Amino acid sequence: MRWGTQPRWARGVAAVYVIGFVEGTGSHAYDVIRGGLHAYRYWPLPSQLLFHTLIVLDLLVAVWVVLARPARPPLGATVMAADLAANWWGNRYGILSDPLDYVKPSGLAPITLFGIFVLATALPLHRTFRQGLPRQGVSPDARCR
């Protein structure tokens, strides 16, 4: 997809997606490099598996958004919903015992803000990517590659 055919707001939203998902890849990769396969050993097993998988999934979402394929923003929203659920579930006791400890510029607060942003913008970005296809001679019903 040519980015020149996309509205300015869509390019801005896509840029935030790419930055956020690449940062997520880096964060999870750093945790695994630092802590090895057991970097998330204190988390429930499903969360551990998800966090390891996010090294690849976050990067794939970023690349796919750069390619501006319509199905990619909803996929990004799905990845973020799973990431948010795992992070909130894993931090639930700490949040209940000391909620102000989680209001800081790192950790759960920025993940939550980015997740809300992705969930709120996935459908409009999907629609915009879909509308951009006919301008390039591609049917909106064509299969995304």
N, C-alpha and C. Protein backbone atom coordinates (compact mmCIF):
# COMPACT_ATOMS: atom_id res chain seq x y z
N MET A 1 0.84 -1.17 0.00
CA MET A 1 0.00 0.00 0.00
C MET A 1 0.89 1.23 0.00
N ARG A 2 0.47 2.21 -0.73
CA ARG A 2 1.18 3.48 -0.74
C ARG A 2 0.68 4.33 0.42
N TRP A 3 1.61 4.80 1.23
CA TRP A 3 1.22 5.57 2.40
C TRP A 3 0.73 6.95 2.02
N GLY A 4 1.09 7.44 0.82
CA GLY A 4 0.62 8.75 0.39
C GLY A 4 -0.88 8.80 0.18
N THR A 5 -1.51 7.64 -0.02
CA THR A 5 -2.96 7.61 -0.21
C THR A 5 -3.71 7.60 1.11
N GLN A 6 -3.02 7.42 2.20
CA GLN A 6 -3.66 7.36 3.51
C GLN A 6 -3.80 8.76 4.10
N PRO A 7 -4.89 9.01 4.83
CA PRO A 7 -5.02 10.30 5.50
C PRO A 7 -3.93 10.48 6.56
N ARG A 8 -3.67 11.72 6.88
CA ARG A 8 -2.61 12.03 7.84
C ARG A 8 -2.84 11.36 9.18
N TRP A 9 -4.10 11.34 9.66
CA TRP A 9 -4.37 10.73 10.97
C TRP A 9 -4.03 9.24 10.95
N ALA A 10 -4.30 8.55 9.83
CA ALA A 10 -4.01 7.12 9.74
C ALA A 10 -2.51 6.88 9.76
N ARG A 11 -1.75 7.74 9.11
CA ARG A 11 -0.29 7.59 9.13
C ARG A 11 0.23 7.81 10.54
N GLY A 12 -0.34 8.78 11.26
CA GLY A 12 0.07 9.02 12.64
C GLY A 12 -0.26 7.87 13.56
N VAL A 13 -1.47 7.35 13.43
CA VAL A 13 -1.88 6.21 14.25
C VAL A 13 -1.01 4.99 13.95
N ALA A 14 -0.75 4.74 12.67
CA ALA A 14 0.10 3.61 12.30
C ALA A 14 1.51 3.78 12.86
N ALA A 15 2.01 5.00 12.86
CA ALA A 15 3.35 5.25 13.43
C ALA A 15 3.37 4.93 14.92
N VAL A 16 2.32 5.30 15.64
CA VAL A 16 2.25 4.98 17.07
C VAL A 16 2.19 3.47 17.26
N TYR A 17 1.43 2.77 16.42
CA TYR A 17 1.38 1.31 16.48
C TYR A 17 2.78 0.74 16.33
N VAL A 18 3.47 1.17 15.28
CA VAL A 18 4.80 0.61 14.99
C VAL A 18 5.75 0.87 16.15
N ILE A 19 5.78 2.10 16.64
CA ILE A 19 6.66 2.43 17.77
C ILE A 19 6.32 1.59 18.99
N GLY A 20 5.04 1.50 19.32
CA GLY A 20 4.61 0.75 20.50
C GLY A 20 4.89 -0.74 20.40
N PHE A 21 4.60 -1.33 19.24
CA PHE A 21 4.82 -2.77 19.11
C PHE A 21 6.30 -3.11 19.01
N VAL A 22 7.09 -2.26 18.39
CA VAL A 22 8.55 -2.49 18.35
C VAL A 22 9.12 -2.36 19.76
N GLU A 23 8.63 -1.39 20.53
CA GLU A 23 9.07 -1.26 21.92
C GLU A 23 8.70 -2.50 22.72
N GLY A 24 7.51 -3.03 22.47
CA GLY A 24 7.09 -4.26 23.15
C GLY A 24 8.00 -5.43 22.81
N THR A 25 8.37 -5.55 21.54
CA THR A 25 9.31 -6.59 21.14
C THR A 25 10.63 -6.43 21.88
N GLY A 26 11.13 -5.20 21.90
CA GLY A 26 12.40 -4.93 22.58
C GLY A 26 12.34 -5.23 24.06
N SER A 27 11.24 -4.85 24.69
CA SER A 27 11.09 -5.07 26.12
C SER A 27 11.07 -6.56 26.46
N HIS A 28 10.28 -7.32 25.70
CA HIS A 28 10.21 -8.76 25.97
C HIS A 28 11.52 -9.45 25.62
N ALA A 29 12.16 -9.03 24.55
CA ALA A 29 13.45 -9.62 24.18
C ALA A 29 14.49 -9.31 25.26
N TYR A 30 14.48 -8.09 25.77
CA TYR A 30 15.41 -7.72 26.84
C TYR A 30 15.19 -8.59 28.08
N ASP A 31 13.92 -8.79 28.45
CA ASP A 31 13.62 -9.64 29.60
C ASP A 31 14.16 -11.05 29.41
N VAL A 32 13.99 -11.60 28.21
CA VAL A 32 14.44 -12.97 27.95
C VAL A 32 15.97 -13.03 27.89
N ILE A 33 16.59 -12.02 27.31
CA ILE A 33 18.06 -12.00 27.27
C ILE A 33 18.61 -11.91 28.69
N ARG A 34 18.00 -11.08 29.49
CA ARG A 34 18.45 -10.89 30.87
C ARG A 34 18.13 -12.07 31.77
N GLY A 35 16.93 -12.65 31.61
CA GLY A 35 16.50 -13.70 32.54
C GLY A 35 16.42 -15.09 31.94
N GLY A 36 16.73 -15.22 30.67
CA GLY A 36 16.66 -16.54 30.03
C GLY A 36 15.23 -17.01 29.86
N LEU A 37 15.08 -18.29 29.64
CA LEU A 37 13.75 -18.86 29.41
C LEU A 37 12.84 -18.72 30.63
N HIS A 38 13.44 -18.51 31.79
CA HIS A 38 12.65 -18.39 33.02
C HIS A 38 12.47 -16.93 33.44
N ALA A 39 12.55 -16.02 32.50
CA ALA A 39 12.44 -14.60 32.80
C ALA A 39 11.09 -14.26 33.45
N TYR A 40 10.08 -14.99 33.13
CA TYR A 40 8.74 -14.71 33.66
C TYR A 40 8.26 -15.81 34.60
N ARG A 41 9.18 -16.43 35.31
CA ARG A 41 8.86 -17.61 36.12
C ARG A 41 7.83 -17.33 37.22
N TYR A 42 7.66 -16.10 37.64
CA TYR A 42 6.70 -15.79 38.71
C TYR A 42 5.30 -15.50 38.17
N TRP A 43 5.15 -15.56 36.87
CA TRP A 43 3.86 -15.33 36.24
C TRP A 43 3.17 -16.67 36.01
N PRO A 44 1.85 -16.66 35.87
CA PRO A 44 1.15 -17.91 35.51
C PRO A 44 1.68 -18.44 34.17
N LEU A 45 1.65 -19.75 33.99
CA LEU A 45 2.21 -20.37 32.79
C LEU A 45 1.64 -19.80 31.48
N PRO A 46 0.32 -19.58 31.36
CA PRO A 46 -0.17 -19.00 30.11
C PRO A 46 0.44 -17.62 29.83
N SER A 47 0.64 -16.83 30.88
CA SER A 47 1.26 -15.51 30.70
C SER A 47 2.72 -15.66 30.29
N GLN A 48 3.41 -16.61 30.87
CA GLN A 48 4.81 -16.84 30.48
C GLN A 48 4.91 -17.16 28.99
N LEU A 49 4.06 -18.05 28.53
CA LEU A 49 4.07 -18.42 27.12
C LEU A 49 3.72 -17.23 26.23
N LEU A 50 2.73 -16.47 26.64
CA LEU A 50 2.34 -15.29 25.87
C LEU A 50 3.49 -14.29 25.79
N PHE A 51 4.12 -14.00 26.91
CA PHE A 51 5.20 -13.00 26.92
C PHE A 51 6.37 -13.42 26.03
N HIS A 52 6.67 -14.71 26.00
CA HIS A 52 7.72 -15.19 25.10
C HIS A 52 7.27 -15.06 23.64
N THR A 53 6.03 -15.38 23.39
CA THR A 53 5.48 -15.29 22.03
C THR A 53 5.41 -13.85 21.55
N LEU A 54 5.23 -12.91 22.47
CA LEU A 54 5.11 -11.50 22.08
C LEU A 54 6.39 -10.95 21.45
N ILE A 55 7.51 -11.60 21.69
CA ILE A 55 8.74 -11.17 21.02
C ILE A 55 8.53 -11.20 19.51
N VAL A 56 7.87 -12.23 19.04
CA VAL A 56 7.62 -12.38 17.60
C VAL A 56 6.34 -11.66 17.20
N LEU A 57 5.26 -11.85 17.97
CA LEU A 57 3.97 -11.27 17.59
C LEU A 57 4.01 -9.75 17.52
N ASP A 58 4.62 -9.10 18.50
CA ASP A 58 4.69 -7.64 18.47
C ASP A 58 5.43 -7.15 17.23
N LEU A 59 6.52 -7.80 16.90
CA LEU A 59 7.27 -7.40 15.71
C LEU A 59 6.47 -7.65 14.44
N LEU A 60 5.78 -8.78 14.37
CA LEU A 60 4.95 -9.05 13.20
C LEU A 60 3.84 -8.02 13.03
N VAL A 61 3.19 -7.65 14.11
CA VAL A 61 2.14 -6.63 14.03
C VAL A 61 2.72 -5.32 13.51
N ALA A 62 3.88 -4.93 14.01
CA ALA A 62 4.52 -3.69 13.55
C ALA A 62 4.80 -3.74 12.05
N VAL A 63 5.37 -4.84 11.59
CA VAL A 63 5.68 -4.98 10.16
C VAL A 63 4.41 -4.99 9.34
N TRP A 64 3.40 -5.72 9.81
CA TRP A 64 2.16 -5.81 9.05
C TRP A 64 1.43 -4.47 8.99
N VAL A 65 1.53 -3.66 10.03
CA VAL A 65 0.91 -2.33 9.98
C VAL A 65 1.65 -1.45 8.98
N VAL A 66 2.96 -1.59 8.93
CA VAL A 66 3.73 -0.84 7.93
C VAL A 66 3.26 -1.21 6.52
N LEU A 67 2.90 -2.46 6.31
CA LEU A 67 2.41 -2.91 5.01
C LEU A 67 0.97 -2.45 4.75
N ALA A 68 0.32 -1.92 5.77
CA ALA A 68 -1.03 -1.33 5.69
C ALA A 68 -2.07 -2.29 5.14
N ARG A 69 -2.02 -3.51 5.55
CA ARG A 69 -3.06 -4.47 5.17
C ARG A 69 -4.23 -4.34 6.13
N PRO A 70 -5.47 -4.37 5.64
CA PRO A 70 -6.64 -4.10 6.47
C PRO A 70 -6.81 -5.00 7.69
N ALA A 71 -6.42 -6.25 7.62
CA ALA A 71 -6.65 -7.17 8.74
C ALA A 71 -5.67 -6.94 9.88
N ARG A 72 -4.64 -6.16 9.67
CA ARG A 72 -3.58 -6.05 10.68
C ARG A 72 -3.95 -5.24 11.92
N PRO A 73 -4.64 -4.11 11.82
CA PRO A 73 -5.00 -3.40 13.06
C PRO A 73 -5.87 -4.23 14.00
N PRO A 74 -6.89 -4.97 13.51
CA PRO A 74 -7.63 -5.82 14.45
C PRO A 74 -6.75 -6.91 15.06
N LEU A 75 -5.80 -7.42 14.30
CA LEU A 75 -4.87 -8.40 14.86
C LEU A 75 -4.03 -7.76 15.96
N GLY A 76 -3.58 -6.53 15.73
CA GLY A 76 -2.84 -5.80 16.77
C GLY A 76 -3.68 -5.60 18.02
N ALA A 77 -4.97 -5.31 17.83
CA ALA A 77 -5.87 -5.15 18.98
C ALA A 77 -6.02 -6.46 19.75
N THR A 78 -6.06 -7.56 19.04
CA THR A 78 -6.16 -8.87 19.69
C THR A 78 -4.91 -9.16 20.51
N VAL A 79 -3.75 -8.88 19.92
CA VAL A 79 -2.48 -9.08 20.64
C VAL A 79 -2.44 -8.21 21.89
N MET A 80 -2.84 -6.94 21.76
CA MET A 80 -2.82 -6.04 22.92
C MET A 80 -3.84 -6.46 23.97
N ALA A 81 -4.99 -6.94 23.57
CA ALA A 81 -5.98 -7.40 24.55
C ALA A 81 -5.41 -8.56 25.36
N ALA A 82 -4.74 -9.49 24.69
CA ALA A 82 -4.13 -10.62 25.41
C ALA A 82 -3.01 -10.12 26.33
N ASP A 83 -2.19 -9.20 25.85
CA ASP A 83 -1.09 -8.65 26.65
C ASP A 83 -1.64 -7.92 27.88
N LEU A 84 -2.67 -7.11 27.68
CA LEU A 84 -3.27 -6.39 28.81
C LEU A 84 -3.88 -7.35 29.82
N ALA A 85 -4.60 -8.35 29.33
CA ALA A 85 -5.21 -9.32 30.24
C ALA A 85 -4.15 -10.02 31.08
N ALA A 86 -3.07 -10.44 30.45
CA ALA A 86 -1.99 -11.14 31.18
C ALA A 86 -1.33 -10.21 32.19
N ASN A 87 -1.06 -8.98 31.79
CA ASN A 87 -0.39 -8.04 32.71
C ASN A 87 -1.28 -7.66 33.89
N TRP A 88 -2.56 -7.39 33.62
CA TRP A 88 -3.46 -7.04 34.72
C TRP A 88 -3.71 -8.23 35.64
N TRP A 89 -3.84 -9.41 35.06
CA TRP A 89 -4.06 -10.60 35.88
C TRP A 89 -2.84 -10.88 36.75
N GLY A 90 -1.65 -10.78 36.17
CA GLY A 90 -0.43 -11.05 36.92
C GLY A 90 -0.13 -10.02 38.00
N ASN A 91 -0.64 -8.81 37.83
CA ASN A 91 -0.39 -7.75 38.80
C ASN A 91 -1.58 -7.48 39.72
N ARG A 92 -2.60 -8.31 39.66
CA ARG A 92 -3.86 -8.02 40.36
C ARG A 92 -3.69 -7.85 41.87
N TYR A 93 -2.87 -8.66 42.51
CA TYR A 93 -2.73 -8.55 43.97
C TYR A 93 -1.97 -7.28 44.34
N GLY A 94 -0.96 -6.94 43.57
CA GLY A 94 -0.22 -5.71 43.82
C GLY A 94 -1.08 -4.47 43.60
N ILE A 95 -1.92 -4.52 42.57
CA ILE A 95 -2.80 -3.39 42.28
C ILE A 95 -3.79 -3.21 43.42
N LEU A 96 -4.32 -4.31 43.94
CA LEU A 96 -5.27 -4.22 45.04
C LEU A 96 -4.62 -3.75 46.33
N SER A 97 -3.39 -4.16 46.58
CA SER A 97 -2.75 -3.78 47.84
C SER A 97 -2.13 -2.38 47.79
N ASP A 98 -1.60 -1.97 46.64
CA ASP A 98 -0.97 -0.65 46.54
C ASP A 98 -1.16 -0.09 45.13
N PRO A 99 -2.37 0.40 44.82
CA PRO A 99 -2.67 0.83 43.45
C PRO A 99 -1.80 2.01 42.98
N LEU A 100 -1.38 2.89 43.87
CA LEU A 100 -0.58 4.04 43.45
C LEU A 100 0.82 3.63 42.98
N ASP A 101 1.26 2.45 43.39
CA ASP A 101 2.56 1.97 42.95
C ASP A 101 2.56 1.66 41.45
N TYR A 102 1.38 1.50 40.86
CA TYR A 102 1.27 1.16 39.44
C TYR A 102 0.99 2.38 38.56
N VAL A 103 0.94 3.56 39.17
CA VAL A 103 0.76 4.79 38.40
C VAL A 103 2.12 5.46 38.28
N LYS A 104 2.89 5.00 37.30
CA LYS A 104 4.22 5.55 37.05
C LYS A 104 4.51 5.41 35.56
N PRO A 105 5.53 6.11 35.08
CA PRO A 105 5.76 6.14 33.63
C PRO A 105 6.36 4.86 33.05
N SER A 106 6.48 3.81 33.83
CA SER A 106 6.95 2.53 33.29
C SER A 106 6.08 1.43 33.86
N GLY A 107 6.07 0.31 33.19
CA GLY A 107 5.30 -0.82 33.68
C GLY A 107 3.87 -0.85 33.17
N LEU A 108 2.94 -1.07 34.07
CA LEU A 108 1.55 -1.32 33.70
C LEU A 108 0.84 -0.10 33.12
N ALA A 109 1.13 1.09 33.61
CA ALA A 109 0.42 2.28 33.13
C ALA A 109 0.63 2.54 31.63
N PRO A 110 1.87 2.60 31.12
CA PRO A 110 2.02 2.85 29.69
C PRO A 110 1.52 1.70 28.82
N ILE A 111 1.64 0.46 29.31
CA ILE A 111 1.11 -0.67 28.55
C ILE A 111 -0.41 -0.53 28.43
N THR A 112 -1.05 -0.13 29.52
CA THR A 112 -2.49 0.04 29.51
C THR A 112 -2.91 1.18 28.59
N LEU A 113 -2.21 2.30 28.65
CA LEU A 113 -2.55 3.44 27.77
C LEU A 113 -2.37 3.07 26.30
N PHE A 114 -1.27 2.40 25.98
CA PHE A 114 -1.06 1.97 24.60
C PHE A 114 -2.13 0.97 24.18
N GLY A 115 -2.47 0.04 25.06
CA GLY A 115 -3.50 -0.94 24.76
C GLY A 115 -4.85 -0.29 24.49
N ILE A 116 -5.22 0.69 25.30
CA ILE A 116 -6.48 1.41 25.08
C ILE A 116 -6.43 2.13 23.74
N PHE A 117 -5.30 2.75 23.42
CA PHE A 117 -5.13 3.44 22.14
C PHE A 117 -5.33 2.46 20.98
N VAL A 118 -4.68 1.31 21.05
CA VAL A 118 -4.79 0.32 19.97
C VAL A 118 -6.22 -0.20 19.86
N LEU A 119 -6.84 -0.51 20.98
CA LEU A 119 -8.21 -1.01 20.94
C LEU A 119 -9.19 0.03 20.40
N ALA A 120 -8.94 1.30 20.71
CA ALA A 120 -9.84 2.37 20.26
C ALA A 120 -9.65 2.71 18.78
N THR A 121 -8.46 2.49 18.24
CA THR A 121 -8.18 2.92 16.87
C THR A 121 -8.12 1.77 15.86
N ALA A 122 -8.20 0.54 16.30
CA ALA A 122 -8.05 -0.60 15.38
C ALA A 122 -9.12 -0.61 14.29
N LEU A 123 -10.37 -0.42 14.66
CA LEU A 123 -11.44 -0.47 13.66
C LEU A 123 -11.37 0.71 12.68
N PRO A 124 -11.20 1.95 13.14
CA PRO A 124 -11.07 3.04 12.16
C PRO A 124 -9.85 2.87 11.24
N LEU A 125 -8.74 2.39 11.78
CA LEU A 125 -7.56 2.18 10.96
C LEU A 125 -7.80 1.05 9.96
N HIS A 126 -8.46 0.00 10.40
CA HIS A 126 -8.83 -1.10 9.51
C HIS A 126 -9.67 -0.59 8.35
N ARG A 127 -10.68 0.23 8.65
CA ARG A 127 -11.56 0.77 7.61
C ARG A 127 -10.78 1.65 6.63
N THR A 128 -9.88 2.45 7.15
CA THR A 128 -9.10 3.34 6.29
C THR A 128 -8.17 2.54 5.39
N PHE A 129 -7.52 1.53 5.94
CA PHE A 129 -6.66 0.68 5.12
C PHE A 129 -7.48 -0.02 4.04
N ARG A 130 -8.68 -0.43 4.39
CA ARG A 130 -9.56 -1.10 3.44
C ARG A 130 -10.01 -0.16 2.33
N GLN A 131 -10.29 1.09 2.66
CA GLN A 131 -10.69 2.07 1.66
C GLN A 131 -9.54 2.43 0.72
N GLY A 132 -8.32 2.33 1.21
CA GLY A 132 -7.17 2.67 0.38
C GLY A 132 -6.88 1.65 -0.71
N LEU A 133 -7.43 0.45 -0.60
CA LEU A 133 -7.15 -0.59 -1.58
C LEU A 133 -7.69 -0.28 -2.97
N PRO A 134 -8.94 0.20 -3.14
CA PRO A 134 -9.44 0.46 -4.50
C PRO A 134 -8.60 1.50 -5.25
N ARG A 135 -8.03 2.47 -4.55
CA ARG A 135 -7.21 3.49 -5.19
C ARG A 135 -5.97 2.89 -5.83
N GLN A 136 -5.60 1.72 -5.39
CA GLN A 136 -4.41 1.06 -5.94
C GLN A 136 -4.79 -0.03 -6.92
N GLY A 137 -6.06 -0.13 -7.26
CA GLY A 137 -6.48 -1.15 -8.20
C GLY A 137 -6.65 -2.52 -7.57
N VAL A 138 -6.79 -2.58 -6.25
CA VAL A 138 -6.97 -3.84 -5.54
C VAL A 138 -8.37 -3.86 -4.97
N SER A 139 -9.06 -4.96 -5.13
CA SER A 139 -10.40 -5.09 -4.60
C SER A 139 -10.36 -5.13 -3.07
N PRO A 140 -11.30 -4.42 -2.39
CA PRO A 140 -11.33 -4.49 -0.92
C PRO A 140 -11.60 -5.90 -0.41
N ASP A 141 -12.19 -6.74 -1.27
CA ASP A 141 -12.49 -8.11 -0.88
C ASP A 141 -11.33 -9.05 -1.16
N ALA A 142 -10.25 -8.52 -1.73
CA ALA A 142 -9.09 -9.38 -2.02
C ALA A 142 -8.49 -9.87 -0.73
N ARG A 143 -7.97 -11.06 -0.78
CA ARG A 143 -7.36 -11.66 0.39
C ARG A 143 -6.11 -10.90 0.78
N CYS A 144 -5.93 -10.65 2.07
CA CYS A 144 -4.73 -9.98 2.56
C CYS A 144 -3.59 -10.98 2.55
N ARG A 145 -2.45 -10.51 2.09
CA ARG A 145 -1.27 -11.38 2.09
C ARG A 145 -0.32 -10.94 3.15
